N, C-alpha and C. Protein backbone atom coordinates (compact mmCIF):
# COMPACT_ATOMS: atom_id res chain seq x y z
N MET A 1 -23.25 -27.88 -4.35
CA MET A 1 -22.69 -26.68 -3.77
C MET A 1 -21.34 -26.41 -4.44
N PRO A 2 -21.15 -25.22 -5.01
CA PRO A 2 -19.89 -24.92 -5.69
C PRO A 2 -18.74 -24.77 -4.69
N ALA A 3 -17.56 -25.18 -5.15
CA ALA A 3 -16.36 -25.08 -4.31
C ALA A 3 -15.91 -23.63 -4.22
N LYS A 4 -15.36 -23.28 -3.07
CA LYS A 4 -14.86 -21.92 -2.88
C LYS A 4 -13.56 -21.76 -3.66
N PRO A 5 -13.38 -20.59 -4.29
CA PRO A 5 -12.12 -20.39 -5.02
C PRO A 5 -10.95 -20.29 -4.05
N LYS A 6 -9.81 -20.82 -4.46
CA LYS A 6 -8.62 -20.80 -3.63
C LYS A 6 -8.04 -19.39 -3.60
N LYS A 7 -7.62 -18.94 -2.43
CA LYS A 7 -7.05 -17.59 -2.29
C LYS A 7 -5.60 -17.58 -2.75
N GLN A 8 -5.22 -16.54 -3.48
CA GLN A 8 -3.85 -16.35 -3.94
C GLN A 8 -3.17 -15.32 -3.05
N VAL A 9 -1.94 -15.62 -2.64
CA VAL A 9 -1.15 -14.66 -1.88
C VAL A 9 -0.34 -13.83 -2.86
N GLU A 10 -0.45 -12.53 -2.75
CA GLU A 10 0.24 -11.63 -3.66
C GLU A 10 1.03 -10.58 -2.89
N VAL A 11 1.95 -9.94 -3.59
CA VAL A 11 2.75 -8.85 -3.04
C VAL A 11 2.33 -7.58 -3.73
N GLY A 12 2.21 -6.50 -2.98
CA GLY A 12 1.81 -5.22 -3.55
C GLY A 12 2.98 -4.26 -3.62
N ASP A 13 3.08 -3.55 -4.74
CA ASP A 13 4.03 -2.45 -4.88
C ASP A 13 3.28 -1.16 -4.61
N LEU A 14 3.67 -0.45 -3.55
CA LEU A 14 3.01 0.79 -3.15
C LEU A 14 3.90 1.96 -3.53
N PHE A 15 3.36 2.92 -4.28
CA PHE A 15 4.10 4.10 -4.70
C PHE A 15 3.36 5.33 -4.19
N VAL A 16 4.06 6.18 -3.43
CA VAL A 16 3.45 7.34 -2.81
C VAL A 16 4.07 8.62 -3.36
N THR A 17 3.22 9.54 -3.81
CA THR A 17 3.66 10.87 -4.23
C THR A 17 2.96 11.90 -3.34
N GLU A 18 3.20 13.16 -3.61
CA GLU A 18 2.58 14.23 -2.82
C GLU A 18 1.06 14.25 -2.99
N SER A 19 0.55 13.76 -4.12
CA SER A 19 -0.88 13.89 -4.39
C SER A 19 -1.63 12.57 -4.56
N ALA A 20 -0.94 11.43 -4.63
CA ALA A 20 -1.63 10.16 -4.87
C ALA A 20 -0.85 8.99 -4.30
N VAL A 21 -1.58 7.92 -4.02
CA VAL A 21 -0.98 6.65 -3.63
C VAL A 21 -1.47 5.63 -4.66
N THR A 22 -0.53 4.82 -5.16
CA THR A 22 -0.83 3.83 -6.20
C THR A 22 -0.33 2.48 -5.74
N ILE A 23 -1.09 1.44 -6.04
CA ILE A 23 -0.68 0.08 -5.71
C ILE A 23 -0.82 -0.80 -6.95
N LYS A 24 0.12 -1.71 -7.08
CA LYS A 24 0.07 -2.71 -8.15
C LYS A 24 0.36 -4.06 -7.51
N LEU A 25 -0.52 -5.02 -7.73
CA LEU A 25 -0.35 -6.36 -7.17
C LEU A 25 0.41 -7.23 -8.16
N LEU A 26 1.27 -8.07 -7.61
CA LEU A 26 2.02 -9.01 -8.43
C LEU A 26 1.78 -10.40 -7.91
N PRO A 27 1.55 -11.38 -8.68
CA PRO A 27 1.67 -11.52 -10.12
C PRO A 27 0.43 -11.19 -10.92
N SER A 28 -0.70 -10.81 -10.31
CA SER A 28 -1.94 -10.61 -11.06
C SER A 28 -1.97 -9.31 -11.87
N LYS A 29 -1.11 -8.35 -11.54
CA LYS A 29 -1.02 -7.06 -12.22
C LYS A 29 -2.27 -6.20 -12.07
N LYS A 30 -3.04 -6.42 -11.03
CA LYS A 30 -4.17 -5.54 -10.71
C LYS A 30 -3.59 -4.27 -10.10
N SER A 31 -4.19 -3.12 -10.41
CA SER A 31 -3.66 -1.88 -9.87
C SER A 31 -4.80 -0.91 -9.55
N GLY A 32 -4.46 0.07 -8.72
CA GLY A 32 -5.42 1.09 -8.34
C GLY A 32 -4.71 2.30 -7.79
N SER A 33 -5.41 3.43 -7.77
CA SER A 33 -4.83 4.68 -7.30
C SER A 33 -5.88 5.46 -6.51
N ARG A 34 -5.39 6.33 -5.63
CA ARG A 34 -6.29 7.13 -4.80
C ARG A 34 -5.62 8.48 -4.52
N PRO A 35 -6.33 9.58 -4.68
CA PRO A 35 -5.76 10.89 -4.34
C PRO A 35 -5.61 11.03 -2.82
N ILE A 36 -4.54 11.70 -2.39
CA ILE A 36 -4.28 11.86 -0.95
C ILE A 36 -3.88 13.29 -0.64
N ARG A 37 -3.94 13.62 0.65
CA ARG A 37 -3.47 14.92 1.14
C ARG A 37 -2.59 14.79 2.36
N TRP A 38 -2.29 13.56 2.78
CA TRP A 38 -1.55 13.34 4.01
C TRP A 38 -0.05 13.18 3.83
N PHE A 39 0.47 13.26 2.62
CA PHE A 39 1.91 13.13 2.38
C PHE A 39 2.42 14.44 1.78
N SER A 40 3.05 15.26 2.61
CA SER A 40 3.56 16.53 2.11
C SER A 40 4.94 16.79 2.71
N GLY A 41 5.79 17.37 1.92
CA GLY A 41 7.14 17.67 2.37
C GLY A 41 7.98 16.43 2.63
N GLY A 42 7.61 15.31 2.04
CA GLY A 42 8.37 14.08 2.21
C GLY A 42 8.06 13.32 3.48
N SER A 43 6.92 13.65 4.15
CA SER A 43 6.56 12.91 5.35
C SER A 43 5.05 12.80 5.49
N VAL A 44 4.62 11.86 6.30
CA VAL A 44 3.21 11.63 6.56
C VAL A 44 2.74 12.59 7.63
N SER A 45 1.70 13.36 7.34
CA SER A 45 1.21 14.32 8.32
C SER A 45 0.14 13.71 9.23
N ASN A 46 -0.58 12.69 8.77
CA ASN A 46 -1.63 12.04 9.57
C ASN A 46 -1.52 10.53 9.37
N VAL A 47 -0.91 9.83 10.33
CA VAL A 47 -0.65 8.40 10.22
C VAL A 47 -1.95 7.61 10.17
N HIS A 48 -2.94 7.98 10.95
CA HIS A 48 -4.21 7.28 10.98
C HIS A 48 -4.92 7.34 9.63
N LEU A 49 -4.98 8.52 9.04
CA LEU A 49 -5.61 8.69 7.73
C LEU A 49 -4.83 7.95 6.64
N ALA A 50 -3.50 7.97 6.74
CA ALA A 50 -2.67 7.25 5.77
C ALA A 50 -2.92 5.76 5.84
N ALA A 51 -2.99 5.20 7.05
CA ALA A 51 -3.25 3.77 7.22
C ALA A 51 -4.63 3.41 6.68
N LYS A 52 -5.58 4.26 6.92
CA LYS A 52 -6.95 4.02 6.45
C LYS A 52 -7.00 4.01 4.91
N ASP A 53 -6.36 4.98 4.27
CA ASP A 53 -6.33 5.04 2.81
C ASP A 53 -5.59 3.86 2.20
N ILE A 54 -4.48 3.46 2.79
CA ILE A 54 -3.70 2.32 2.28
C ILE A 54 -4.51 1.04 2.41
N ALA A 55 -5.13 0.81 3.56
CA ALA A 55 -5.93 -0.40 3.76
C ALA A 55 -7.13 -0.43 2.80
N PHE A 56 -7.78 0.72 2.59
CA PHE A 56 -8.91 0.78 1.68
C PHE A 56 -8.49 0.44 0.25
N LEU A 57 -7.39 1.03 -0.19
CA LEU A 57 -6.92 0.81 -1.55
C LEU A 57 -6.50 -0.64 -1.78
N VAL A 58 -5.78 -1.23 -0.84
CA VAL A 58 -5.38 -2.63 -0.96
C VAL A 58 -6.62 -3.52 -0.97
N GLY A 59 -7.56 -3.26 -0.09
CA GLY A 59 -8.79 -4.06 -0.04
C GLY A 59 -9.59 -3.97 -1.33
N LYS A 60 -9.62 -2.80 -1.92
CA LYS A 60 -10.35 -2.60 -3.17
C LYS A 60 -9.71 -3.38 -4.31
N VAL A 61 -8.40 -3.37 -4.39
CA VAL A 61 -7.68 -4.02 -5.48
C VAL A 61 -7.60 -5.54 -5.29
N GLN A 62 -7.42 -5.99 -4.06
CA GLN A 62 -7.23 -7.43 -3.85
C GLN A 62 -8.50 -8.23 -4.06
N GLY A 63 -9.65 -7.68 -3.79
CA GLY A 63 -10.89 -8.41 -4.00
C GLY A 63 -11.06 -9.57 -3.02
N ARG A 64 -11.85 -10.57 -3.41
CA ARG A 64 -12.12 -11.70 -2.52
C ARG A 64 -11.19 -12.88 -2.74
N THR A 65 -10.53 -12.94 -3.88
CA THR A 65 -9.72 -14.13 -4.20
C THR A 65 -8.23 -13.93 -3.99
N ARG A 66 -7.82 -12.76 -3.52
CA ARG A 66 -6.40 -12.49 -3.32
C ARG A 66 -6.16 -12.04 -1.88
N ILE A 67 -4.97 -12.35 -1.38
CA ILE A 67 -4.56 -11.91 -0.05
C ILE A 67 -3.23 -11.17 -0.19
N VAL A 68 -3.17 -9.96 0.33
CA VAL A 68 -1.94 -9.18 0.33
C VAL A 68 -1.49 -9.04 1.77
N ARG A 69 -0.27 -9.50 2.04
CA ARG A 69 0.27 -9.40 3.40
C ARG A 69 1.47 -8.48 3.48
N ALA A 70 2.16 -8.31 2.35
CA ALA A 70 3.39 -7.51 2.36
C ALA A 70 3.39 -6.53 1.19
N LEU A 71 4.04 -5.39 1.43
CA LEU A 71 4.13 -4.33 0.42
C LEU A 71 5.58 -3.90 0.24
N THR A 72 5.97 -3.65 -0.99
CA THR A 72 7.22 -2.96 -1.25
C THR A 72 6.85 -1.50 -1.44
N VAL A 73 7.60 -0.60 -0.83
CA VAL A 73 7.21 0.80 -0.78
C VAL A 73 8.26 1.67 -1.44
N MET A 74 7.78 2.66 -2.21
CA MET A 74 8.67 3.63 -2.83
C MET A 74 7.95 4.98 -2.87
N THR A 75 8.71 6.04 -2.73
CA THR A 75 8.15 7.38 -2.83
C THR A 75 8.69 8.05 -4.09
N ASP A 76 8.17 9.22 -4.38
CA ASP A 76 8.67 9.97 -5.52
C ASP A 76 10.05 10.58 -5.24
N ARG A 77 10.55 10.42 -4.03
CA ARG A 77 11.88 10.91 -3.66
C ARG A 77 12.99 9.95 -4.06
N GLY A 78 12.64 8.75 -4.50
CA GLY A 78 13.66 7.81 -4.98
C GLY A 78 13.88 6.63 -4.05
N VAL A 79 14.75 5.75 -4.48
CA VAL A 79 15.01 4.50 -3.76
C VAL A 79 15.79 4.75 -2.47
N GLY A 80 16.72 5.67 -2.49
CA GLY A 80 17.59 5.92 -1.34
C GLY A 80 16.94 6.70 -0.21
N PHE A 81 15.69 7.08 -0.36
CA PHE A 81 15.00 7.88 0.66
C PHE A 81 14.62 6.99 1.85
N ASP A 82 14.87 7.44 3.07
CA ASP A 82 14.63 6.67 4.28
C ASP A 82 13.14 6.67 4.63
N LEU A 83 12.51 5.49 4.59
CA LEU A 83 11.08 5.37 4.87
C LEU A 83 10.75 5.56 6.33
N GLU A 84 11.68 5.28 7.23
CA GLU A 84 11.44 5.45 8.66
C GLU A 84 11.19 6.93 8.99
N LYS A 85 11.93 7.81 8.36
CA LYS A 85 11.79 9.24 8.63
C LYS A 85 10.50 9.81 8.07
N THR A 86 9.94 9.18 7.03
CA THR A 86 8.72 9.70 6.42
C THR A 86 7.47 9.36 7.22
N GLY A 87 7.50 8.31 8.01
CA GLY A 87 6.33 7.86 8.74
C GLY A 87 5.50 6.85 7.97
N LEU A 88 5.92 6.53 6.75
CA LEU A 88 5.18 5.55 5.95
C LEU A 88 5.22 4.16 6.58
N SER A 89 6.33 3.81 7.18
CA SER A 89 6.43 2.47 7.78
C SER A 89 5.43 2.30 8.91
N ARG A 90 5.23 3.33 9.72
CA ARG A 90 4.23 3.27 10.80
C ARG A 90 2.82 3.15 10.24
N ALA A 91 2.54 3.91 9.18
CA ALA A 91 1.21 3.87 8.57
C ALA A 91 0.92 2.51 7.95
N ILE A 92 1.91 1.91 7.32
CA ILE A 92 1.73 0.61 6.68
C ILE A 92 1.53 -0.48 7.74
N GLU A 93 2.30 -0.42 8.81
CA GLU A 93 2.12 -1.39 9.90
C GLU A 93 0.76 -1.22 10.57
N LYS A 94 0.32 0.02 10.72
CA LYS A 94 -0.99 0.29 11.32
C LYS A 94 -2.12 -0.22 10.41
N ALA A 95 -1.87 -0.21 9.10
CA ALA A 95 -2.87 -0.71 8.14
C ALA A 95 -2.91 -2.24 8.14
N GLY A 96 -1.91 -2.88 8.75
CA GLY A 96 -1.92 -4.34 8.87
C GLY A 96 -1.05 -5.07 7.86
N PHE A 97 -0.06 -4.41 7.30
CA PHE A 97 0.81 -5.02 6.30
C PHE A 97 2.27 -4.97 6.74
N GLU A 98 3.07 -5.85 6.15
CA GLU A 98 4.52 -5.86 6.38
C GLU A 98 5.18 -5.08 5.24
N ILE A 99 6.38 -4.58 5.51
CA ILE A 99 7.16 -3.90 4.47
C ILE A 99 8.28 -4.82 4.02
N LEU A 100 8.35 -5.05 2.71
CA LEU A 100 9.45 -5.82 2.13
C LEU A 100 10.53 -4.84 1.71
N LYS A 101 11.75 -5.16 2.00
CA LYS A 101 12.85 -4.26 1.64
C LYS A 101 13.49 -4.71 0.35
């Protein structure tokens, strides 16, 4: 019976724009992107749909041998933009991930 592969814990970099969400896992450098419609005017319009899209994208990229528990988040508005006001922090927590600052 073959041994099960050991799971790797990775951190994801999540980048959100008006039209797409992109994730890159570190240290494996796996990445993926998905078109979205729930981020407009610098805020999340549908938290449930945002959480669903984020969880789907992370699950697709992480596969069976990687575990992602935390995400670093950035928007196209820059580093100084407040994530609490956008609603992204609620969506990420609802998707089951922590936010690294």
